[in-house]
């Protein structure tokens, strides 16, 4: 089996449709979506990118 890891940069408040379009255009099976969570001002968590693991046929 082969796997491909994609990095998807996003703003959580504005990129929902872009993420949906990206996921629908993948050819393989999505195995995992891993968020990169970083603390911002006042320790509020922020997700600035996702790692998407795809199993390629």
Protein backbone atom coordinates (compact mmCIF):
# COMPACT_ATOMS: atom_id res chain seq x y z
CA UNK A 1 0.00 0.00 0.00
CA UNK A 2 1.13 3.52 -0.73
CA UNK A 3 0.17 6.60 1.21
CA UNK A 4 0.35 10.27 0.33
CA UNK A 5 0.36 13.08 2.88
CA UNK A 6 -1.09 16.44 1.85
CA UNK A 7 -0.67 19.71 3.74
CA UNK A 8 -3.75 21.93 3.58
CA UNK A 9 -3.28 25.49 4.88
CA UNK A 10 -6.49 27.02 6.15
CA UNK A 11 -8.28 29.63 8.22
CA UNK A 12 -10.93 27.85 10.24
CA UNK A 13 -13.49 30.63 9.78
CA UNK A 14 -13.28 30.97 5.99
CA UNK A 15 -11.97 27.86 4.23
CA UNK A 16 -14.69 25.26 4.78
CA UNK A 17 -15.73 25.14 1.11
CA UNK A 18 -12.08 24.92 -0.05
CA UNK A 19 -11.49 21.96 2.27
CA UNK A 20 -14.66 20.25 1.07
CA UNK A 21 -13.62 20.71 -2.56
CA UNK A 22 -10.09 19.43 -1.84
CA UNK A 23 -11.38 16.30 -0.10
CA UNK A 24 -13.89 15.55 -2.86
CA UNK A 25 -11.14 15.79 -5.51
CA UNK A 26 -8.88 13.18 -3.88
CA UNK A 27 -8.65 9.92 -5.83
CA UNK A 28 -7.78 7.60 -2.93
CA UNK A 29 -9.24 6.90 0.49
CA UNK A 30 -8.76 9.42 3.31
CA UNK A 31 -7.17 7.58 6.23
CA UNK A 32 -6.64 10.46 8.69
CA UNK A 33 -6.94 14.22 9.06
CA UNK A 34 -4.45 15.60 11.58
CA UNK A 35 -4.81 19.25 12.67
CA UNK A 36 -1.82 21.37 13.69
CA UNK A 37 -3.05 23.19 16.79
CA UNK A 38 -1.07 26.15 18.14
CA UNK A 39 -1.87 28.44 21.07
CA UNK A 40 -2.63 32.05 20.18
CA UNK A 41 -3.32 35.11 22.33
CA UNK A 42 -4.68 34.17 25.79
CA UNK A 43 -3.91 30.49 25.03
CA UNK A 44 -6.82 30.20 22.59
CA UNK A 45 -6.15 27.22 20.29
CA UNK A 46 -5.83 27.88 16.56
CA UNK A 47 -5.63 25.40 13.67
CA UNK A 48 -3.41 26.77 10.90
CA UNK A 49 -3.04 23.68 8.71
CA UNK A 50 -4.17 20.08 8.33
CA UNK A 51 -2.20 17.00 7.34
CA UNK A 52 -4.41 14.73 5.28
CA UNK A 53 -3.28 11.11 4.84
CA UNK A 54 -4.56 9.48 1.65
CA UNK A 55 -4.27 5.78 0.78
CA UNK A 56 -3.39 5.57 -2.93
CA UNK A 57 -4.46 2.60 -5.03
